[in-house]
Amino acid sequence: MVSDAARQRALRRGPGFWGFLLAHHYPHELERCYQIWLGPRPLWICARCAGLIPALLITLGLQLLWAQPSGPWDVFWLGVLPWPALVDWGRARLGYSAGRNIVRSLTGLALGLSMGRSAYLHGTEPFHPWVCWQLGLLGFCWISVEILARWGRAS
């Protein structure tokens, strides 16, 4: 059984160096993570990555087993699936909504499916136009949200 003092110390200390690989958030942002206790030690896992990483690996693995050429369905895979995660992250980053971990995990799942398809297309057809468009649009939105968030903090 973990003592209350040990629990509070662990929560103040945060995930630490190795835990940062699974929960890349600062101690004041750990509400964005799932927390699992392994004996006296906490383990934090990023809620969005808990959906993203398995979906990416499974999607990529299945496509390597059963090759799927590019087609009109890629508009959905690359053009629609990443947006819920981007919108959820952007709203939290700009301070409109704190968000919930279950939503982060579900949007991470959709983003992982999209990233798995992107990785497969780029691996089989380097610099596939759909992948380039997807990365360009997502990068533009990411930079825009970051600029707005920093501008909002500065004023």
N, C-alpha and C. Protein backbone atom coordinates (compact mmCIF):
# COMPACT_ATOMS: atom_id res chain seq x y z
N MET A 1 0.84 -1.19 0.00
CA MET A 1 0.00 0.00 0.00
C MET A 1 0.88 1.24 0.00
N VAL A 2 0.56 2.20 -0.82
CA VAL A 2 1.33 3.43 -0.95
C VAL A 2 0.84 4.42 0.09
N SER A 3 1.78 5.02 0.82
CA SER A 3 1.40 6.01 1.83
C SER A 3 0.96 7.29 1.14
N ASP A 4 0.15 8.10 1.82
CA ASP A 4 -0.31 9.36 1.25
C ASP A 4 0.86 10.30 0.97
N ALA A 5 1.86 10.29 1.86
CA ALA A 5 3.02 11.16 1.66
C ALA A 5 3.78 10.75 0.39
N ALA A 6 3.96 9.45 0.17
CA ALA A 6 4.65 8.98 -1.04
C ALA A 6 3.83 9.32 -2.28
N ARG A 7 2.54 9.20 -2.20
CA ARG A 7 1.66 9.54 -3.33
C ARG A 7 1.80 11.03 -3.68
N GLN A 8 1.77 11.89 -2.68
CA GLN A 8 1.88 13.33 -2.92
C GLN A 8 3.25 13.71 -3.49
N ARG A 9 4.33 13.07 -2.98
CA ARG A 9 5.67 13.31 -3.52
C ARG A 9 5.74 12.92 -5.00
N ALA A 10 5.17 11.77 -5.34
CA ALA A 10 5.19 11.30 -6.73
C ALA A 10 4.41 12.24 -7.63
N LEU A 11 3.28 12.73 -7.15
CA LEU A 11 2.48 13.65 -7.96
C LEU A 11 3.20 14.99 -8.15
N ARG A 12 3.89 15.48 -7.11
CA ARG A 12 4.64 16.73 -7.23
C ARG A 12 5.83 16.57 -8.17
N ARG A 13 6.51 15.44 -8.09
CA ARG A 13 7.71 15.19 -8.88
C ARG A 13 7.38 15.03 -10.37
N GLY A 14 6.25 14.46 -10.68
CA GLY A 14 5.88 14.27 -12.07
C GLY A 14 6.42 12.97 -12.63
N PRO A 15 6.36 12.80 -13.94
CA PRO A 15 6.72 11.52 -14.54
C PRO A 15 8.21 11.21 -14.56
N GLY A 16 9.07 12.20 -14.39
CA GLY A 16 10.51 11.93 -14.43
C GLY A 16 11.00 11.74 -15.85
N PHE A 17 12.29 11.50 -15.99
CA PHE A 17 12.91 11.42 -17.31
C PHE A 17 12.32 10.28 -18.15
N TRP A 18 12.32 9.05 -17.63
CA TRP A 18 11.83 7.91 -18.42
C TRP A 18 10.32 7.96 -18.59
N GLY A 19 9.62 8.43 -17.57
CA GLY A 19 8.17 8.55 -17.68
C GLY A 19 7.75 9.58 -18.70
N PHE A 20 8.64 10.50 -19.01
CA PHE A 20 8.33 11.54 -19.99
C PHE A 20 8.12 10.95 -21.38
N LEU A 21 8.68 9.77 -21.64
CA LEU A 21 8.47 9.13 -22.94
C LEU A 21 7.02 8.68 -23.11
N LEU A 22 6.37 8.32 -22.02
CA LEU A 22 4.97 7.87 -22.07
C LEU A 22 3.99 9.01 -21.79
N ALA A 23 4.43 9.99 -21.00
CA ALA A 23 3.57 11.11 -20.63
C ALA A 23 4.37 12.38 -20.81
N HIS A 24 4.36 12.93 -21.99
CA HIS A 24 5.18 14.09 -22.30
C HIS A 24 4.49 15.38 -21.89
N HIS A 25 4.09 15.42 -20.62
CA HIS A 25 3.44 16.60 -20.06
C HIS A 25 4.18 17.00 -18.78
N TYR A 26 4.13 18.26 -18.47
CA TYR A 26 4.73 18.75 -17.23
C TYR A 26 3.85 18.33 -16.06
N PRO A 27 4.39 18.35 -14.83
CA PRO A 27 3.59 17.92 -13.68
C PRO A 27 2.25 18.65 -13.56
N HIS A 28 2.18 19.92 -13.92
CA HIS A 28 0.91 20.65 -13.80
C HIS A 28 -0.08 20.28 -14.92
N GLU A 29 0.33 19.46 -15.89
CA GLU A 29 -0.54 19.03 -16.99
C GLU A 29 -0.86 17.54 -16.93
N LEU A 30 -0.56 16.88 -15.83
CA LEU A 30 -0.73 15.43 -15.77
C LEU A 30 -2.19 14.99 -15.75
N GLU A 31 -3.13 15.92 -15.65
CA GLU A 31 -4.53 15.53 -15.78
C GLU A 31 -4.85 15.08 -17.20
N ARG A 32 -3.94 15.32 -18.13
CA ARG A 32 -4.11 14.88 -19.51
C ARG A 32 -3.61 13.46 -19.72
N CYS A 33 -3.27 12.79 -18.63
CA CYS A 33 -2.69 11.45 -18.69
C CYS A 33 -3.52 10.49 -17.84
N TYR A 34 -3.42 9.21 -18.19
CA TYR A 34 -3.94 8.17 -17.32
C TYR A 34 -2.83 7.82 -16.34
N GLN A 35 -3.22 7.54 -15.10
CA GLN A 35 -2.23 7.21 -14.08
C GLN A 35 -2.45 5.78 -13.60
N ILE A 36 -1.37 5.01 -13.62
CA ILE A 36 -1.40 3.62 -13.16
C ILE A 36 -0.34 3.51 -12.07
N TRP A 37 -0.67 2.86 -10.97
CA TRP A 37 0.31 2.67 -9.91
C TRP A 37 0.90 1.28 -10.04
N LEU A 38 2.23 1.22 -10.16
CA LEU A 38 2.96 -0.04 -10.18
C LEU A 38 3.68 -0.16 -8.84
N GLY A 39 2.99 -0.74 -7.87
CA GLY A 39 3.52 -0.77 -6.52
C GLY A 39 3.54 0.64 -5.98
N PRO A 40 4.68 1.12 -5.48
CA PRO A 40 4.74 2.47 -4.93
C PRO A 40 5.01 3.55 -5.98
N ARG A 41 5.19 3.15 -7.23
CA ARG A 41 5.55 4.11 -8.26
C ARG A 41 4.41 4.36 -9.24
N PRO A 42 4.14 5.63 -9.52
CA PRO A 42 3.10 5.93 -10.51
C PRO A 42 3.67 5.87 -11.92
N LEU A 43 2.83 5.50 -12.85
CA LEU A 43 3.19 5.52 -14.27
C LEU A 43 2.10 6.31 -14.97
N TRP A 44 2.50 7.36 -15.68
CA TRP A 44 1.55 8.17 -16.42
C TRP A 44 1.66 7.83 -17.89
N ILE A 45 0.51 7.76 -18.55
CA ILE A 45 0.45 7.48 -19.98
C ILE A 45 -0.43 8.56 -20.62
N CYS A 46 0.10 9.25 -21.60
CA CYS A 46 -0.63 10.32 -22.29
C CYS A 46 -1.94 9.75 -22.84
N ALA A 47 -3.04 10.43 -22.56
CA ALA A 47 -4.36 9.93 -22.98
C ALA A 47 -4.48 9.87 -24.50
N ARG A 48 -4.01 10.90 -25.21
CA ARG A 48 -4.13 10.89 -26.67
C ARG A 48 -3.23 9.81 -27.27
N CYS A 49 -2.03 9.68 -26.75
CA CYS A 49 -1.10 8.67 -27.27
C CYS A 49 -1.57 7.25 -26.95
N ALA A 50 -2.37 7.09 -25.89
CA ALA A 50 -2.91 5.77 -25.56
C ALA A 50 -3.82 5.27 -26.68
N GLY A 51 -4.45 6.17 -27.42
CA GLY A 51 -5.25 5.77 -28.57
C GLY A 51 -4.45 5.80 -29.86
N LEU A 52 -3.56 6.79 -29.97
CA LEU A 52 -2.82 7.02 -31.21
C LEU A 52 -1.84 5.90 -31.53
N ILE A 53 -0.98 5.55 -30.60
CA ILE A 53 0.11 4.62 -30.90
C ILE A 53 -0.40 3.22 -31.27
N PRO A 54 -1.32 2.62 -30.50
CA PRO A 54 -1.82 1.31 -30.94
C PRO A 54 -2.52 1.36 -32.30
N ALA A 55 -3.32 2.42 -32.53
CA ALA A 55 -4.02 2.52 -33.82
C ALA A 55 -3.03 2.67 -34.97
N LEU A 56 -1.99 3.47 -34.79
CA LEU A 56 -0.99 3.64 -35.82
C LEU A 56 -0.29 2.32 -36.13
N LEU A 57 0.14 1.61 -35.09
CA LEU A 57 0.87 0.36 -35.31
C LEU A 57 -0.02 -0.72 -35.94
N ILE A 58 -1.26 -0.82 -35.48
CA ILE A 58 -2.17 -1.83 -36.04
C ILE A 58 -2.51 -1.50 -37.49
N THR A 59 -2.82 -0.23 -37.76
CA THR A 59 -3.16 0.17 -39.13
C THR A 59 -1.99 -0.08 -40.08
N LEU A 60 -0.81 0.34 -39.66
CA LEU A 60 0.36 0.13 -40.50
C LEU A 60 0.65 -1.36 -40.70
N GLY A 61 0.55 -2.15 -39.63
CA GLY A 61 0.80 -3.58 -39.74
C GLY A 61 -0.18 -4.28 -40.66
N LEU A 62 -1.47 -3.94 -40.54
CA LEU A 62 -2.47 -4.57 -41.41
C LEU A 62 -2.26 -4.21 -42.87
N GLN A 63 -1.86 -2.97 -43.13
CA GLN A 63 -1.62 -2.57 -44.52
C GLN A 63 -0.37 -3.24 -45.10
N LEU A 64 0.59 -3.53 -44.24
CA LEU A 64 1.78 -4.24 -44.72
C LEU A 64 1.43 -5.69 -45.06
N LEU A 65 0.47 -6.27 -44.34
CA LEU A 65 0.03 -7.63 -44.63
C LEU A 65 -0.89 -7.68 -45.85
N TRP A 66 -1.81 -6.72 -45.94
CA TRP A 66 -2.76 -6.66 -47.05
C TRP A 66 -2.63 -5.30 -47.72
N ALA A 67 -1.82 -5.25 -48.76
CA ALA A 67 -1.52 -3.99 -49.44
C ALA A 67 -2.79 -3.33 -49.96
N GLN A 68 -2.93 -2.05 -49.71
CA GLN A 68 -4.06 -1.26 -50.21
C GLN A 68 -3.52 -0.11 -51.04
N PRO A 69 -3.81 -0.10 -52.33
CA PRO A 69 -3.34 1.02 -53.15
C PRO A 69 -4.10 2.29 -52.78
N SER A 70 -3.55 3.42 -53.17
CA SER A 70 -4.24 4.67 -52.87
C SER A 70 -5.50 4.76 -53.72
N GLY A 71 -6.48 5.45 -53.19
CA GLY A 71 -7.76 5.58 -53.88
C GLY A 71 -8.58 6.70 -53.28
N PRO A 72 -9.82 6.83 -53.71
CA PRO A 72 -10.66 7.94 -53.23
C PRO A 72 -10.95 7.86 -51.73
N TRP A 73 -10.85 6.67 -51.13
CA TRP A 73 -11.09 6.53 -49.69
C TRP A 73 -10.02 7.25 -48.87
N ASP A 74 -8.89 7.57 -49.48
CA ASP A 74 -7.83 8.26 -48.76
C ASP A 74 -8.22 9.68 -48.39
N VAL A 75 -9.21 10.24 -49.06
CA VAL A 75 -9.72 11.55 -48.66
C VAL A 75 -10.22 11.47 -47.23
N PHE A 76 -10.93 10.40 -46.90
CA PHE A 76 -11.44 10.22 -45.54
C PHE A 76 -10.28 9.93 -44.58
N TRP A 77 -9.44 8.97 -44.93
CA TRP A 77 -8.33 8.56 -44.05
C TRP A 77 -7.40 9.72 -43.72
N LEU A 78 -6.99 10.47 -44.75
CA LEU A 78 -6.01 11.52 -44.54
C LEU A 78 -6.62 12.89 -44.35
N GLY A 79 -7.81 13.11 -44.90
CA GLY A 79 -8.39 14.44 -44.85
C GLY A 79 -9.39 14.68 -43.73
N VAL A 80 -10.01 13.61 -43.22
CA VAL A 80 -11.05 13.78 -42.21
C VAL A 80 -10.61 13.29 -40.83
N LEU A 81 -10.01 12.11 -40.78
CA LEU A 81 -9.70 11.50 -39.48
C LEU A 81 -8.79 12.31 -38.56
N PRO A 82 -7.83 13.09 -39.05
CA PRO A 82 -6.98 13.82 -38.10
C PRO A 82 -7.63 15.04 -37.46
N TRP A 83 -8.71 15.54 -38.04
CA TRP A 83 -9.26 16.82 -37.58
C TRP A 83 -9.86 16.80 -36.18
N PRO A 84 -10.55 15.75 -35.75
CA PRO A 84 -11.05 15.78 -34.37
C PRO A 84 -9.93 15.95 -33.33
N ALA A 85 -8.80 15.29 -33.53
CA ALA A 85 -7.69 15.42 -32.59
C ALA A 85 -7.11 16.83 -32.64
N LEU A 86 -6.99 17.38 -33.84
CA LEU A 86 -6.45 18.73 -33.97
C LEU A 86 -7.37 19.76 -33.33
N VAL A 87 -8.67 19.62 -33.53
CA VAL A 87 -9.62 20.55 -32.94
C VAL A 87 -9.63 20.42 -31.42
N ASP A 88 -9.64 19.19 -30.91
CA ASP A 88 -9.62 18.99 -29.46
C ASP A 88 -8.35 19.56 -28.84
N TRP A 89 -7.20 19.29 -29.45
CA TRP A 89 -5.94 19.82 -28.96
C TRP A 89 -5.93 21.35 -29.04
N GLY A 90 -6.38 21.91 -30.16
CA GLY A 90 -6.39 23.36 -30.35
C GLY A 90 -7.27 24.07 -29.34
N ARG A 91 -8.45 23.50 -29.06
CA ARG A 91 -9.34 24.11 -28.07
C ARG A 91 -8.69 24.11 -26.68
N ALA A 92 -8.03 23.03 -26.33
CA ALA A 92 -7.36 22.97 -25.03
C ALA A 92 -6.16 23.92 -25.00
N ARG A 93 -5.42 23.96 -26.09
CA ARG A 93 -4.21 24.81 -26.14
C ARG A 93 -4.56 26.28 -26.07
N LEU A 94 -5.69 26.67 -26.66
CA LEU A 94 -6.11 28.06 -26.65
C LEU A 94 -6.93 28.42 -25.40
N GLY A 95 -7.20 27.43 -24.55
CA GLY A 95 -7.88 27.69 -23.29
C GLY A 95 -9.40 27.70 -23.37
N TYR A 96 -9.97 27.22 -24.46
CA TYR A 96 -11.43 27.18 -24.59
C TYR A 96 -12.05 26.02 -23.84
N SER A 97 -11.34 24.93 -23.73
CA SER A 97 -11.89 23.73 -23.10
C SER A 97 -10.74 22.92 -22.51
N ALA A 98 -10.92 22.47 -21.28
CA ALA A 98 -9.88 21.63 -20.65
C ALA A 98 -9.85 20.26 -21.30
N GLY A 99 -10.97 19.81 -21.83
CA GLY A 99 -11.04 18.50 -22.47
C GLY A 99 -11.15 17.37 -21.46
N ARG A 100 -11.40 16.18 -21.98
CA ARG A 100 -11.51 14.99 -21.15
C ARG A 100 -10.63 13.91 -21.74
N ASN A 101 -10.11 13.05 -20.89
CA ASN A 101 -9.17 12.03 -21.35
C ASN A 101 -9.81 11.03 -22.30
N ILE A 102 -11.07 10.68 -22.10
CA ILE A 102 -11.71 9.72 -23.00
C ILE A 102 -11.82 10.33 -24.41
N VAL A 103 -12.09 11.63 -24.49
CA VAL A 103 -12.16 12.30 -25.80
C VAL A 103 -10.77 12.34 -26.41
N ARG A 104 -9.75 12.62 -25.58
CA ARG A 104 -8.39 12.62 -26.09
C ARG A 104 -8.01 11.24 -26.66
N SER A 105 -8.39 10.19 -25.95
CA SER A 105 -8.06 8.84 -26.41
C SER A 105 -8.78 8.51 -27.71
N LEU A 106 -10.06 8.87 -27.82
CA LEU A 106 -10.82 8.57 -29.04
C LEU A 106 -10.31 9.38 -30.24
N THR A 107 -10.00 10.66 -30.01
CA THR A 107 -9.47 11.45 -31.12
C THR A 107 -8.05 10.98 -31.47
N GLY A 108 -7.32 10.51 -30.48
CA GLY A 108 -6.00 9.93 -30.74
C GLY A 108 -6.11 8.66 -31.58
N LEU A 109 -7.15 7.88 -31.33
CA LEU A 109 -7.40 6.67 -32.12
C LEU A 109 -7.61 7.04 -33.59
N ALA A 110 -8.44 8.04 -33.84
CA ALA A 110 -8.68 8.47 -35.22
C ALA A 110 -7.41 9.02 -35.85
N LEU A 111 -6.65 9.80 -35.08
CA LEU A 111 -5.38 10.33 -35.60
C LEU A 111 -4.40 9.20 -35.88
N GLY A 112 -4.37 8.19 -35.04
CA GLY A 112 -3.48 7.04 -35.27
C GLY A 112 -3.83 6.28 -36.53
N LEU A 113 -5.13 6.11 -36.79
CA LEU A 113 -5.54 5.46 -38.04
C LEU A 113 -5.05 6.25 -39.24
N SER A 114 -5.21 7.56 -39.17
CA SER A 114 -4.77 8.43 -40.26
C SER A 114 -3.25 8.40 -40.42
N MET A 115 -2.55 8.45 -39.32
CA MET A 115 -1.08 8.44 -39.39
C MET A 115 -0.55 7.11 -39.91
N GLY A 116 -1.23 6.02 -39.55
CA GLY A 116 -0.83 4.71 -40.08
C GLY A 116 -0.99 4.65 -41.59
N ARG A 117 -2.09 5.21 -42.07
CA ARG A 117 -2.30 5.24 -43.53
C ARG A 117 -1.28 6.15 -44.21
N SER A 118 -1.00 7.31 -43.59
CA SER A 118 -0.01 8.23 -44.14
C SER A 118 1.36 7.58 -44.22
N ALA A 119 1.75 6.89 -43.15
CA ALA A 119 3.06 6.23 -43.12
C ALA A 119 3.14 5.16 -44.20
N TYR A 120 2.06 4.40 -44.36
CA TYR A 120 2.06 3.36 -45.40
C TYR A 120 2.17 3.98 -46.80
N LEU A 121 1.35 5.00 -47.07
CA LEU A 121 1.39 5.63 -48.39
C LEU A 121 2.76 6.24 -48.67
N HIS A 122 3.33 6.90 -47.68
CA HIS A 122 4.63 7.51 -47.88
C HIS A 122 5.72 6.45 -48.07
N GLY A 123 5.55 5.33 -47.38
CA GLY A 123 6.53 4.25 -47.53
C GLY A 123 6.46 3.55 -48.88
N THR A 124 5.26 3.43 -49.43
CA THR A 124 5.11 2.74 -50.72
C THR A 124 5.23 3.70 -51.90
N GLU A 125 4.81 4.94 -51.73
CA GLU A 125 4.91 5.97 -52.77
C GLU A 125 5.47 7.23 -52.12
N PRO A 126 6.79 7.36 -52.03
CA PRO A 126 7.37 8.51 -51.33
C PRO A 126 6.81 9.85 -51.84
N PHE A 127 6.54 10.73 -50.91
CA PHE A 127 5.99 12.06 -51.19
C PHE A 127 4.69 12.00 -51.97
N HIS A 128 3.84 11.05 -51.58
CA HIS A 128 2.52 10.94 -52.18
C HIS A 128 1.81 12.29 -51.99
N PRO A 129 1.14 12.80 -53.03
CA PRO A 129 0.52 14.14 -52.92
C PRO A 129 -0.46 14.28 -51.75
N TRP A 130 -1.25 13.22 -51.47
CA TRP A 130 -2.20 13.30 -50.36
C TRP A 130 -1.48 13.45 -49.02
N VAL A 131 -0.39 12.74 -48.88
CA VAL A 131 0.37 12.81 -47.62
C VAL A 131 1.00 14.19 -47.49
N CYS A 132 1.53 14.72 -48.57
CA CYS A 132 2.13 16.05 -48.52
C CYS A 132 1.10 17.11 -48.17
N TRP A 133 -0.09 17.01 -48.76
CA TRP A 133 -1.17 17.95 -48.44
C TRP A 133 -1.58 17.82 -46.98
N GLN A 134 -1.72 16.59 -46.52
CA GLN A 134 -2.13 16.36 -45.14
C GLN A 134 -1.11 16.98 -44.17
N LEU A 135 0.16 16.66 -44.37
CA LEU A 135 1.18 17.18 -43.46
C LEU A 135 1.28 18.70 -43.55
N GLY A 136 1.14 19.24 -44.73
CA GLY A 136 1.18 20.70 -44.89
C GLY A 136 0.04 21.39 -44.16
N LEU A 137 -1.19 20.89 -44.33
CA LEU A 137 -2.34 21.50 -43.66
C LEU A 137 -2.28 21.34 -42.15
N LEU A 138 -1.91 20.15 -41.69
CA LEU A 138 -1.81 19.94 -40.25
C LEU A 138 -0.71 20.81 -39.65
N GLY A 139 0.42 20.91 -40.35
CA GLY A 139 1.51 21.76 -39.87
C GLY A 139 1.11 23.22 -39.82
N PHE A 140 0.40 23.68 -40.84
CA PHE A 140 -0.07 25.06 -40.86
C PHE A 140 -1.01 25.33 -39.69
N CYS A 141 -1.94 24.41 -39.44
CA CYS A 141 -2.88 24.59 -38.32
C CYS A 141 -2.15 24.55 -36.99
N TRP A 142 -1.20 23.65 -36.85
CA TRP A 142 -0.44 23.55 -35.61
C TRP A 142 0.31 24.85 -35.33
N ILE A 143 1.01 25.36 -36.34
CA ILE A 143 1.77 26.61 -36.17
C ILE A 143 0.82 27.77 -35.85
N SER A 144 -0.32 27.82 -36.51
CA SER A 144 -1.29 28.89 -36.26
C SER A 144 -1.79 28.86 -34.83
N VAL A 145 -2.14 27.68 -34.33
CA VAL A 145 -2.62 27.56 -32.95
C VAL A 145 -1.52 27.95 -31.97
N GLU A 146 -0.29 27.52 -32.22
CA GLU A 146 0.82 27.88 -31.33
C GLU A 146 1.05 29.38 -31.30
N ILE A 147 0.99 30.03 -32.46
CA ILE A 147 1.17 31.49 -32.50
C ILE A 147 0.05 32.17 -31.73
N LEU A 148 -1.19 31.74 -31.95
CA LEU A 148 -2.31 32.34 -31.22
C LEU A 148 -2.20 32.11 -29.71
N ALA A 149 -1.78 30.92 -29.31
CA ALA A 149 -1.65 30.62 -27.89
C ALA A 149 -0.56 31.47 -27.25
N ARG A 150 0.56 31.63 -27.91
CA ARG A 150 1.67 32.44 -27.35
C ARG A 150 1.32 33.93 -27.39
N TRP A 151 0.64 34.34 -28.42
CA TRP A 151 0.22 35.73 -28.52
C TRP A 151 -0.78 36.06 -27.42
N GLY A 152 -1.69 35.11 -27.16
CA GLY A 152 -2.67 35.31 -26.10
C GLY A 152 -2.04 35.40 -24.72
N ARG A 153 -0.99 34.60 -24.48
CA ARG A 153 -0.29 34.64 -23.19
C ARG A 153 0.50 35.93 -23.03
N ALA A 154 1.03 36.45 -24.13
CA ALA A 154 1.86 37.65 -24.06
C ALA A 154 1.04 38.90 -23.79
N SER A 155 -0.22 38.90 -24.23
CA SER A 155 -1.03 40.12 -24.05
C SER A 155 -1.81 40.13 -22.76
